[in-house]
Amino acid sequence: MSQPYRQPIAKVDTAWLRMEQPTNLMMITGVIMLREQVDFELLKQVVSSRFLAFPRFGHKAVQTTRGCFWEEDEDFELSSHIRRIALPGDAGKGELEELVSELASTPLDQFRPLWQFHYVENYVDGPVLVTRIHHCYADGMALVQVMLSLTEPDAEHSTEPVEPEQYRHHRARESNVFKRLMEPAKEGVDALQHAGKKVVKEASSMILDPATASVYANSASEIMSELATMLLLSDDPPSRFKGKLGILKRTAWTAPLPLHEVKAIGHALGCSVNDVLIGIMTGALHNYLKDHGDDPSELEIRATIPVNLRPLEHSRDLGNHFGLVFLDLPIWESNPLARVYRVTENMHHLKNSKQAAVSLGLLATVGLAPLAVQKPALELFSKKATTVLTNVPGPACPLYLAGSEITQMMFWVPQSGSIGMGISILSYNEQVFCGMMTDNRLVPNPSLIVDRFRDEFENLLNLVMLLGPDADRSPEEAENLVQAWLDEMDND
């Protein structure tokens, strides 16, 4: 009897496989809303020919005393991975969010390939495909590409199976869609990959005894100095968003915002769309705390932000190839305009650092290291942040899946260690969507935050319109003018 195909799992992917714990499952969860019903058998055919064109999704992750391996699932059945499901009651947004929350809290079957799709037939606004894929298969950037491979820009072609030879051309044809996501930040990455055993050994020693990191803070090696600086960051302060975790997650998402209006705000303020959206979310968190009786006036928290480090020529390969950066969120700032400027300034500092490249090297180090190093590393880094924040610019034009137009998309990456909140921002078809995943013990109703996201957007848009065009006005003058209006409103 022949042995099943087996291949060692890459060290970085092994780290994500071993990070799984009951309080934080390592799944990337997605929601795809469709305009019209899809024939279920046709959907299975599309998944079979397009999703399984990546052979890895027919493999299960096996952990043994000798290491972790990809092993072909000889008993693979597609029906175990694509399920039909119906919502109870009115089958509205509340019921759908409850289902997604339950799925995001439920581990995948460890004895099968670690992915599953649920087709929801009776959602009030059209059918929904809920996807769950384990992080050990690939990072979010690669999985966006995988999910795009299931779609086409027209309904007719989206129902056609793609043969292996055609599929290679199909993948190549899509390459320009996400070029701006896949630009490699290679400076520093190559150095880490070729630094050898000495860097791995020194990094491991710093993780096990962070106090020694101060020795490397002024190191001649820029890589070791950057790593030491990251390890010496203070722990994030306690807040309503950070604390002991449970095993139940809650998900919520906003109604879409017009992307052209977000761009207009960024243009008026001289900021990027990314800066504007993060500033808006920071305001939503600020006001959520105020509404719950907390004082946010001195609170600053960090978000870990994934940064793609995948070379363009490998943009469609599976596996994990990203680094993390720590972004300070000025929760304390009460001025909506000033919040955006603070975020812009903090992002500017990050762009001049090598945090992302160093953290990628650290993840590889963690994957190489024994559990005695992996667990302290996970806890060390999760203490330094309160949330994971992802912002992905998606396709600008509508896409079709199995003959039906995709109307909305949302996804959530997993949180790790003791981090209990994830924020996802995604643009698609000239709209912006924001989603949250929170630990039920900390934030049992994240809808209260995402609702404030839209309120903050409208407030900022109105303030920018009130300011009007003035090329000579400095950011400080704009902030002061807005603050004067806010003070006047408070007095009234």
Protein backbone atom coordinates (compact mmCIF):
# COMPACT_ATOMS: atom_id res chain seq x y z
CA MET A 1 0.00 0.00 0.00
CA SER A 2 1.55 3.34 -1.06
CA GLN A 3 2.20 6.01 1.54
CA PRO A 4 0.29 9.33 1.21
CA TYR A 5 2.14 12.36 -0.16
CA ARG A 6 3.95 14.18 2.67
CA GLN A 7 5.97 17.42 2.64
CA PRO A 8 7.42 19.44 5.56
CA ILE A 9 5.47 22.58 6.43
CA ALA A 10 7.52 25.77 6.07
CA LYS A 11 8.82 27.16 9.36
CA VAL A 12 6.79 30.39 9.27
CA ASP A 13 3.62 28.42 8.43
CA THR A 14 4.44 26.02 11.28
CA ALA A 15 4.50 28.98 13.66
CA TRP A 16 0.93 29.91 12.65
CA LEU A 17 -0.21 26.30 12.98
CA ARG A 18 1.15 26.10 16.51
CA MET A 19 -0.28 29.47 17.55
CA GLU A 20 -3.80 28.03 17.64
CA GLN A 21 -5.41 28.04 21.06
CA PRO A 22 -9.05 27.91 22.22
CA THR A 23 -9.14 31.65 22.94
CA ASN A 24 -7.76 32.61 19.51
CA LEU A 25 -8.31 30.29 16.55
CA MET A 26 -5.92 30.84 13.64
CA MET A 27 -8.56 31.14 10.91
CA ILE A 28 -9.12 33.82 8.31
CA THR A 29 -12.90 34.22 8.15
CA GLY A 30 -14.66 35.84 5.20
CA VAL A 31 -18.17 36.83 4.13
CA ILE A 32 -19.11 37.15 0.43
CA MET A 33 -22.62 38.47 -0.29
CA LEU A 34 -24.25 37.68 -3.64
CA ARG A 35 -27.06 39.37 -5.53
CA GLU A 36 -28.83 36.23 -6.77
CA GLN A 37 -29.19 32.59 -5.77
CA VAL A 38 -26.45 30.23 -6.92
CA ASP A 39 -27.02 26.63 -7.93
CA PHE A 40 -25.33 24.69 -5.12
CA GLU A 41 -23.96 21.97 -7.39
CA LEU A 42 -22.54 24.63 -9.70
CA LEU A 43 -20.88 26.32 -6.71
CA LYS A 44 -19.25 23.02 -5.78
CA GLN A 45 -17.97 22.63 -9.34
CA VAL A 46 -16.46 26.13 -9.28
CA VAL A 47 -14.72 25.41 -5.97
CA SER A 48 -13.54 22.03 -7.20
CA SER A 49 -11.98 23.36 -10.40
CA ARG A 50 -10.68 26.71 -9.16
CA PHE A 51 -10.02 26.52 -5.40
CA LEU A 52 -8.66 22.97 -5.53
CA ALA A 53 -6.44 23.98 -8.45
CA PHE A 54 -4.17 24.87 -5.51
CA PRO A 55 -3.22 21.31 -4.51
CA ARG A 56 -2.38 22.41 -0.97
CA PHE A 57 -6.09 22.67 -0.13
CA GLY A 58 -6.37 18.91 -0.60
CA HIS A 59 -3.75 18.39 2.12
CA LYS A 60 -4.19 18.24 5.87
CA ALA A 61 -1.70 19.60 8.40
CA VAL A 62 -0.20 16.79 10.47
CA GLN A 63 1.78 17.46 13.64
CA THR A 64 4.18 14.74 14.76
CA THR A 65 7.12 14.44 17.15
CA ARG A 66 9.38 14.80 14.09
CA GLY A 67 7.79 18.05 12.95
CA CYS A 68 4.81 19.32 10.99
CA PHE A 69 3.89 18.03 7.52
CA TRP A 70 1.45 18.55 4.69
CA GLU A 71 -0.15 15.20 3.98
CA GLU A 72 -2.51 14.38 1.14
CA ASP A 73 -6.00 13.59 2.43
CA GLU A 74 -6.71 10.24 0.79
CA ASP A 75 -10.29 10.33 2.10
CA PHE A 76 -11.00 13.87 0.84
CA GLU A 77 -14.68 14.60 0.19
CA LEU A 78 -15.73 18.00 -1.12
CA SER A 79 -19.09 17.72 0.66
CA SER A 80 -17.28 17.84 4.00
CA HIS A 81 -15.91 21.27 3.11
CA ILE A 82 -18.89 22.96 1.41
CA ARG A 83 -22.09 23.01 3.44
CA ARG A 84 -25.55 24.48 2.90
CA ILE A 85 -27.06 26.29 5.86
CA ALA A 86 -30.14 28.39 6.64
CA LEU A 87 -30.51 31.26 9.08
CA PRO A 88 -33.28 31.24 11.71
CA GLY A 89 -35.98 33.84 12.24
CA ASP A 90 -35.99 36.90 10.01
CA ALA A 91 -32.63 35.87 8.47
CA GLY A 92 -31.45 39.48 8.76
CA LYS A 93 -28.09 41.06 9.54
CA GLY A 94 -28.30 40.18 13.23
CA GLU A 95 -28.86 36.50 12.48
CA LEU A 96 -26.03 36.47 9.92
CA GLU A 97 -23.61 38.15 12.33
CA GLU A 98 -24.57 35.55 14.96
CA LEU A 99 -23.78 32.71 12.52
CA VAL A 100 -20.44 34.22 11.49
CA SER A 101 -19.57 34.73 15.16
CA GLU A 102 -20.33 31.09 15.91
CA LEU A 103 -18.25 29.85 12.98
CA ALA A 104 -15.36 32.15 13.91
CA SER A 105 -15.42 30.57 17.39
CA THR A 106 -15.54 26.95 16.17
CA PRO A 107 -12.28 25.11 15.36
CA LEU A 108 -11.84 23.46 11.98
CA ASP A 109 -11.63 19.66 11.87
CA GLN A 110 -7.97 18.83 12.55
CA PHE A 111 -8.30 15.49 10.75
CA ARG A 112 -9.24 17.09 7.42
CA PRO A 113 -7.82 19.92 5.30
CA LEU A 114 -8.28 23.06 7.37
CA TRP A 115 -10.87 25.00 5.38
CA GLN A 116 -14.65 25.11 5.04
CA PHE A 117 -17.27 27.11 3.13
CA HIS A 118 -20.88 27.59 4.27
CA TYR A 119 -23.48 28.64 1.70
CA VAL A 120 -26.33 30.57 3.36
CA GLU A 121 -29.39 30.42 1.11
CA ASN A 122 -31.98 32.53 2.92
CA TYR A 123 -30.27 35.78 3.96
CA VAL A 124 -32.69 38.66 3.43
CA ASP A 125 -30.34 40.62 1.12
CA GLY A 126 -29.28 37.66 -1.01
CA PRO A 127 -27.26 34.45 -0.55
CA VAL A 128 -23.97 34.53 1.39
CA LEU A 129 -20.82 32.43 1.28
CA VAL A 130 -19.00 32.29 4.63
CA THR A 131 -15.41 31.09 4.26
CA ARG A 132 -12.95 29.80 6.86
CA ILE A 133 -9.33 28.99 5.98
CA HIS A 134 -6.55 28.27 8.45
CA HIS A 135 -3.71 30.80 8.55
CA CYS A 136 -1.09 28.06 8.16
CA TYR A 137 -2.07 27.71 4.46
CA ALA A 138 -1.34 31.29 3.54
CA ASP A 139 -1.42 34.90 4.64
CA GLY A 140 -4.31 37.25 3.92
CA MET A 141 -2.74 38.70 0.78
CA ALA A 142 -2.31 35.28 -0.82
CA LEU A 143 -5.79 34.18 0.21
CA VAL A 144 -7.31 37.30 -1.36
CA GLN A 145 -5.73 36.13 -4.59
CA VAL A 146 -7.06 32.61 -4.05
CA MET A 147 -10.61 33.89 -3.54
CA LEU A 148 -10.32 36.18 -6.57
CA SER A 149 -9.43 33.13 -8.64
CA LEU A 150 -12.99 31.87 -7.99
CA THR A 151 -14.43 34.96 -9.68
CA GLU A 152 -14.65 36.59 -13.09
CA PRO A 153 -15.53 40.13 -14.26
CA ASP A 154 -18.65 38.79 -16.03
CA ALA A 155 -21.39 36.33 -15.07
CA GLU A 156 -21.02 33.96 -18.01
CA HIS A 157 -17.34 33.12 -17.55
CA SER A 158 -17.73 32.80 -13.77
CA THR A 159 -19.72 29.59 -14.21
CA GLU A 160 -17.11 27.89 -16.34
CA PRO A 161 -14.64 25.43 -14.85
CA VAL A 162 -11.00 26.32 -15.34
CA GLU A 163 -8.75 23.50 -16.53
CA PRO A 164 -5.21 23.33 -15.08
CA GLU A 165 -3.55 24.69 -18.24
CA GLN A 166 -6.08 27.52 -18.53
CA TYR A 167 -5.73 28.20 -14.84
CA ARG A 168 -2.09 29.19 -15.15
CA HIS A 169 -3.06 31.82 -17.71
CA HIS A 170 -6.05 32.85 -15.58
CA ARG A 171 -3.78 33.52 -12.65
CA ALA A 172 -1.31 35.46 -14.75
CA ARG A 173 -4.08 37.57 -16.26
CA GLU A 174 -5.18 38.73 -12.82
CA SER A 175 -1.67 39.81 -11.84
CA ASN A 176 -2.20 43.56 -12.31
CA VAL A 177 -5.24 43.70 -10.01
CA PHE A 178 -3.16 43.56 -6.86
CA LYS A 179 0.19 44.91 -8.00
CA ARG A 180 0.08 47.68 -5.42
CA LEU A 181 -0.43 45.07 -2.69
CA MET A 182 2.44 42.93 -3.85
CA GLU A 183 5.23 45.46 -4.12
CA PRO A 184 7.98 43.81 -2.08
CA ALA A 185 9.61 45.57 0.86
CA LYS A 186 12.72 43.52 0.21
CA GLU A 187 15.23 45.80 1.89
CA GLY A 188 16.08 44.11 5.15
CA VAL A 189 14.28 40.86 4.31
CA ASP A 190 17.17 39.41 2.32
CA ALA A 191 19.52 40.36 5.10
CA LEU A 192 17.39 38.48 7.60
CA GLN A 193 17.10 35.44 5.38
CA HIS A 194 20.87 35.25 5.01
CA ALA A 195 21.87 36.40 8.49
CA GLY A 196 22.50 32.84 9.56
CA LYS A 197 22.40 31.02 12.86
CA LYS A 198 23.91 33.87 14.87
CA VAL A 199 20.88 36.17 14.39
CA VAL A 200 18.48 33.29 15.12
CA LYS A 201 20.39 32.47 18.31
CA GLU A 202 20.58 36.08 19.48
CA ALA A 203 16.91 36.74 18.67
CA SER A 204 15.89 33.63 20.63
CA SER A 205 17.93 34.75 23.64
CA MET A 206 16.27 38.18 23.58
CA ILE A 207 12.80 36.61 23.46
CA LEU A 208 13.53 34.37 26.45
CA ASP A 209 15.11 37.25 28.40
CA PRO A 210 13.83 40.59 27.04
CA ALA A 211 16.02 42.52 29.49
CA THR A 212 19.04 41.59 27.36
CA ALA A 213 17.51 43.44 24.42
CA SER A 214 18.94 46.71 25.77
CA VAL A 215 22.42 45.40 24.92
CA TYR A 216 21.42 45.33 21.24
CA ALA A 217 19.45 48.61 21.16
CA ASN A 218 22.45 50.58 19.88
CA SER A 219 23.92 47.68 17.94
CA ALA A 220 25.92 48.28 14.79
CA SER A 221 23.56 45.79 13.16
CA GLU A 222 20.46 47.70 12.06
CA ILE A 223 18.44 44.48 12.10
CA MET A 224 19.36 43.57 15.67
CA SER A 225 18.83 47.15 16.81
CA GLU A 226 15.33 47.24 15.26
CA LEU A 227 14.45 43.89 16.84
CA ALA A 228 15.69 45.07 20.22
CA THR A 229 13.63 48.25 19.92
CA MET A 230 10.49 46.18 19.20
CA LEU A 231 11.13 43.91 22.17
CA LEU A 232 11.69 46.89 24.47
CA LEU A 233 8.32 48.45 23.65
CA SER A 234 6.19 48.83 26.76
CA ASP A 235 3.14 46.63 27.19
CA ASP A 236 -0.11 48.19 26.01
CA PRO A 237 -2.13 49.69 28.88
CA PRO A 238 -5.22 47.94 30.25
CA SER A 239 -8.50 49.09 28.75
CA ARG A 240 -11.97 47.85 27.92
CA PHE A 241 -10.43 46.38 24.75
CA LYS A 242 -7.67 44.35 26.46
CA GLY A 243 -8.01 41.70 29.16
CA LYS A 244 -8.62 38.04 29.86
CA LEU A 245 -10.07 36.27 26.82
CA GLY A 246 -12.88 33.74 26.49
CA ILE A 247 -13.56 31.33 23.64
CA LEU A 248 -16.49 33.14 21.99
CA LYS A 249 -15.89 35.72 19.26
CA ARG A 250 -18.32 38.38 18.04
CA THR A 251 -18.33 39.81 14.54
CA ALA A 252 -19.98 42.87 13.02
CA TRP A 253 -19.58 45.02 9.91
CA THR A 254 -20.74 48.35 8.56
CA ALA A 255 -22.91 49.32 5.65
CA PRO A 256 -20.55 50.43 2.84
CA LEU A 257 -19.11 53.94 2.57
CA PRO A 258 -18.57 55.66 -0.81
CA LEU A 259 -14.86 55.36 -1.61
CA HIS A 260 -14.82 58.60 -3.63
CA GLU A 261 -15.90 60.55 -0.52
CA VAL A 262 -13.14 58.95 1.58
CA LYS A 263 -10.65 59.90 -1.16
CA ALA A 264 -12.01 63.45 -1.17
CA ILE A 265 -11.36 63.75 2.58
CA GLY A 266 -7.83 62.46 2.12
CA HIS A 267 -7.20 64.89 -0.73
CA ALA A 268 -8.49 67.83 1.30
CA LEU A 269 -6.33 66.94 4.31
CA GLY A 270 -3.24 65.89 2.35
CA CYS A 271 -3.47 62.36 3.81
CA SER A 272 -3.77 58.88 2.37
CA VAL A 273 -7.07 56.99 2.26
CA ASN A 274 -5.52 54.56 4.72
CA ASP A 275 -4.74 57.38 7.19
CA VAL A 276 -8.30 58.69 6.94
CA LEU A 277 -9.90 55.29 7.57
CA ILE A 278 -7.64 54.48 10.53
CA GLY A 279 -8.32 57.94 11.97
CA ILE A 280 -12.07 57.34 11.64
CA MET A 281 -11.79 53.97 13.43
CA THR A 282 -9.71 55.58 16.19
CA GLY A 283 -12.54 58.06 16.70
CA ALA A 284 -15.09 55.24 16.87
CA LEU A 285 -13.04 53.56 19.63
CA HIS A 286 -12.69 56.88 21.46
CA ASN A 287 -16.43 57.50 21.52
CA TYR A 288 -17.28 53.87 22.39
CA LEU A 289 -15.20 54.24 25.55
CA LYS A 290 -16.84 57.56 26.41
CA ASP A 291 -20.32 56.09 25.95
CA HIS A 292 -19.41 53.30 28.38
CA GLY A 293 -18.26 55.69 31.09
CA ASP A 294 -14.50 55.35 30.49
CA ASP A 295 -12.07 58.26 30.20
CA PRO A 296 -10.09 57.92 26.96
CA SER A 297 -8.27 61.26 27.34
CA GLU A 298 -4.90 59.67 28.18
CA LEU A 299 -5.23 56.34 26.35
CA GLU A 300 -3.01 55.35 23.45
CA ILE A 301 -3.05 51.77 22.19
CA ARG A 302 -1.11 49.92 19.53
CA ALA A 303 -2.41 48.05 16.53
CA THR A 304 -0.36 45.40 14.78
CA ILE A 305 -0.67 45.88 11.02
CA PRO A 306 0.31 43.13 8.55
CA VAL A 307 2.61 44.37 5.77
CA ASN A 308 3.03 42.32 2.61
CA LEU A 309 6.65 41.30 1.96
CA ARG A 310 5.97 38.83 -0.85
CA PRO A 311 8.02 39.42 -3.99
CA LEU A 312 5.80 40.12 -6.99
CA GLU A 313 6.97 37.00 -8.82
CA HIS A 314 5.63 34.91 -5.92
CA SER A 315 2.40 36.85 -5.41
CA ARG A 316 0.22 33.77 -5.98
CA ASP A 317 2.21 31.26 -4.00
CA LEU A 318 0.62 30.03 -0.81
CA GLY A 319 2.37 30.27 2.54
CA ASN A 320 2.94 33.25 4.85
CA HIS A 321 5.23 36.04 3.76
CA PHE A 322 4.36 39.19 5.69
CA GLY A 323 5.70 41.22 8.55
CA LEU A 324 3.99 43.15 11.32
CA VAL A 325 4.38 46.77 12.38
CA PHE A 326 3.14 48.45 15.55
CA LEU A 327 1.03 51.56 14.93
CA ASP A 328 0.12 53.91 17.79
CA LEU A 329 -3.58 54.82 17.77
CA PRO A 330 -4.24 58.20 19.51
CA ILE A 331 -7.44 57.21 21.31
CA TRP A 332 -6.86 60.20 23.60
CA GLU A 333 -7.35 62.74 20.80
CA SER A 334 -10.86 64.23 20.82
CA ASN A 335 -10.47 66.41 17.71
CA PRO A 336 -11.52 64.36 14.61
CA LEU A 337 -9.21 66.28 12.30
CA ALA A 338 -6.26 66.06 14.68
CA ARG A 339 -6.75 62.28 14.97
CA VAL A 340 -6.21 61.86 11.25
CA TYR A 341 -3.08 64.03 11.34
CA ARG A 342 -1.69 62.07 14.33
CA VAL A 343 -2.26 58.78 12.48
CA THR A 344 -0.58 60.22 9.37
CA GLU A 345 2.45 61.25 11.42
CA ASN A 346 2.69 57.82 13.11
CA MET A 347 2.39 56.04 9.76
CA HIS A 348 5.17 58.23 8.35
CA HIS A 349 7.54 57.07 11.10
CA LEU A 350 6.71 53.42 10.37
CA LYS A 351 7.43 53.79 6.67
CA ASN A 352 11.00 54.73 7.53
CA SER A 353 11.56 51.69 9.77
CA LYS A 354 12.36 48.03 9.10
CA GLN A 355 9.84 46.69 11.60
CA ALA A 356 7.96 44.64 9.02
CA ALA A 357 11.07 42.94 7.64
CA VAL A 358 12.41 42.24 11.12
CA SER A 359 9.12 40.76 12.34
CA LEU A 360 9.04 38.44 9.31
CA GLY A 361 12.48 37.22 10.30
CA LEU A 362 11.26 36.83 13.87
CA LEU A 363 8.30 34.71 12.72
CA ALA A 364 10.75 32.48 10.88
CA THR A 365 12.84 32.30 14.02
CA VAL A 366 9.77 31.35 16.04
CA GLY A 367 8.93 28.65 13.50
CA LEU A 368 12.44 27.22 13.81
CA ALA A 369 12.45 27.42 17.59
CA PRO A 370 11.16 24.88 20.08
CA LEU A 371 7.88 25.47 21.94
CA ALA A 372 9.91 26.86 24.86
CA VAL A 373 10.72 29.88 22.66
CA GLN A 374 7.48 30.03 20.61
CA LYS A 375 5.11 30.56 23.53
CA PRO A 376 7.11 33.36 25.22
CA ALA A 377 7.51 35.08 21.82
CA LEU A 378 3.77 34.95 21.16
CA GLU A 379 2.93 36.33 24.59
CA LEU A 380 5.65 38.96 24.46
CA PHE A 381 4.36 40.47 21.23
CA SER A 382 0.65 40.17 22.01
CA LYS A 383 1.16 42.16 25.23
CA LYS A 384 2.46 45.08 23.19
CA ALA A 385 -0.73 45.55 21.14
CA THR A 386 -4.49 45.71 21.72
CA THR A 387 -5.79 45.04 18.21
CA VAL A 388 -4.88 43.66 14.81
CA LEU A 389 -5.73 46.09 11.99
CA THR A 390 -5.84 45.17 8.29
CA ASN A 391 -6.68 47.46 5.39
CA VAL A 392 -6.89 45.81 1.96
CA PRO A 393 -7.69 47.69 -1.28
CA GLY A 394 -9.77 45.24 -3.29
CA PRO A 395 -11.00 45.19 -6.89
CA ALA A 396 -12.48 48.46 -8.15
CA CYS A 397 -15.01 46.74 -10.47
CA PRO A 398 -17.79 44.25 -9.68
CA LEU A 399 -16.94 40.54 -9.77
CA TYR A 400 -19.10 37.46 -10.28
CA LEU A 401 -19.02 34.11 -8.52
CA ALA A 402 -20.79 31.08 -10.03
CA GLY A 403 -22.98 33.40 -12.13
CA SER A 404 -24.00 35.82 -9.37
CA GLU A 405 -22.65 39.33 -8.77
CA ILE A 406 -20.75 39.88 -5.53
CA THR A 407 -22.37 42.85 -3.75
CA GLN A 408 -20.30 43.01 -0.56
CA MET A 409 -17.17 41.41 0.89
CA MET A 410 -15.69 41.33 4.36
CA PHE A 411 -12.98 39.31 6.10
CA TRP A 412 -11.28 39.02 9.48
CA VAL A 413 -7.75 37.84 10.19
CA PRO A 414 -7.16 36.00 13.46
CA GLN A 415 -5.78 37.62 16.57
CA SER A 416 -2.93 35.90 18.38
CA GLY A 417 -1.88 35.43 21.98
CA SER A 418 -3.83 37.71 24.29
CA ILE A 419 -5.05 40.16 21.62
CA GLY A 420 -8.86 40.22 21.69
CA MET A 421 -9.86 42.62 18.90
CA GLY A 422 -9.45 42.61 15.13
CA ILE A 423 -10.34 45.48 12.77
CA SER A 424 -10.67 44.90 9.02
CA ILE A 425 -11.10 47.56 6.34
CA LEU A 426 -11.71 46.45 2.75
CA SER A 427 -12.57 48.35 -0.41
CA TYR A 428 -14.49 46.73 -3.27
CA ASN A 429 -16.30 48.18 -6.28
CA GLU A 430 -15.75 51.79 -5.16
CA GLN A 431 -17.13 51.10 -1.67
CA VAL A 432 -15.42 50.76 1.72
CA PHE A 433 -16.44 48.14 4.28
CA CYS A 434 -15.32 47.95 7.90
CA GLY A 435 -15.62 44.87 10.10
CA MET A 436 -14.72 43.99 13.67
CA MET A 437 -14.08 40.76 15.52
CA THR A 438 -13.97 41.01 19.31
CA ASP A 439 -13.74 38.72 22.28
CA ASN A 440 -17.16 38.35 23.87
CA ARG A 441 -15.77 38.99 27.37
CA LEU A 442 -14.30 42.33 26.33
CA VAL A 443 -16.71 43.74 23.72
CA PRO A 444 -19.89 41.64 23.56
CA ASN A 445 -21.50 43.87 20.91
CA PRO A 446 -18.99 45.18 18.32
CA SER A 447 -21.91 46.58 16.30
CA LEU A 448 -21.81 49.54 18.69
CA ILE A 449 -18.29 50.32 17.45
CA VAL A 450 -18.82 49.79 13.72
CA ASP A 451 -21.96 51.95 13.88
CA ARG A 452 -19.78 54.74 15.28
CA PHE A 453 -17.36 54.19 12.37
CA ARG A 454 -19.99 55.49 9.97
CA ASP A 455 -20.90 58.35 12.34
CA GLU A 456 -17.24 59.37 12.56
CA PHE A 457 -16.93 59.28 8.77
CA GLU A 458 -19.94 61.58 8.36
CA ASN A 459 -18.65 63.95 11.07
CA LEU A 460 -15.24 64.18 9.41
CA LEU A 461 -16.79 64.70 5.97
CA ASN A 462 -18.94 67.54 7.32
CA LEU A 463 -15.95 69.16 9.05
CA VAL A 464 -13.90 69.05 5.84
CA MET A 465 -16.80 70.62 3.93
CA LEU A 466 -17.09 73.35 6.58
CA LEU A 467 -13.39 74.10 6.33
CA GLY A 468 -13.64 74.57 2.60
CA PRO A 469 -10.66 74.81 0.25
CA ASP A 470 -7.70 76.82 1.55
CA ALA A 471 -4.33 75.89 0.14
CA ASP A 472 -2.51 78.18 2.60
CA ARG A 473 -4.14 76.81 5.77
CA SER A 474 -1.75 74.70 7.87
CA PRO A 475 -2.84 71.49 9.65
CA GLU A 476 -2.46 73.32 12.98
CA GLU A 477 -4.79 76.11 11.83
CA ALA A 478 -7.33 73.55 10.59
CA GLU A 479 -7.18 71.67 13.90
CA ASN A 480 -7.66 74.87 15.89
CA LEU A 481 -10.62 75.92 13.75
CA VAL A 482 -12.30 72.53 14.20
CA GLN A 483 -11.59 72.57 17.94
CA ALA A 484 -13.21 75.99 18.24
CA TRP A 485 -16.35 74.64 16.53
CA LEU A 486 -16.37 71.60 18.83
CA ASP A 487 -15.99 73.78 21.93
CA GLU A 488 -18.82 76.00 20.76
CA MET A 489 -21.06 72.95 20.21
CA ASP A 490 -20.22 71.67 23.72
CA ASN A 491 -21.10 75.03 25.24
CA ASP A 492 -24.42 75.07 23.41
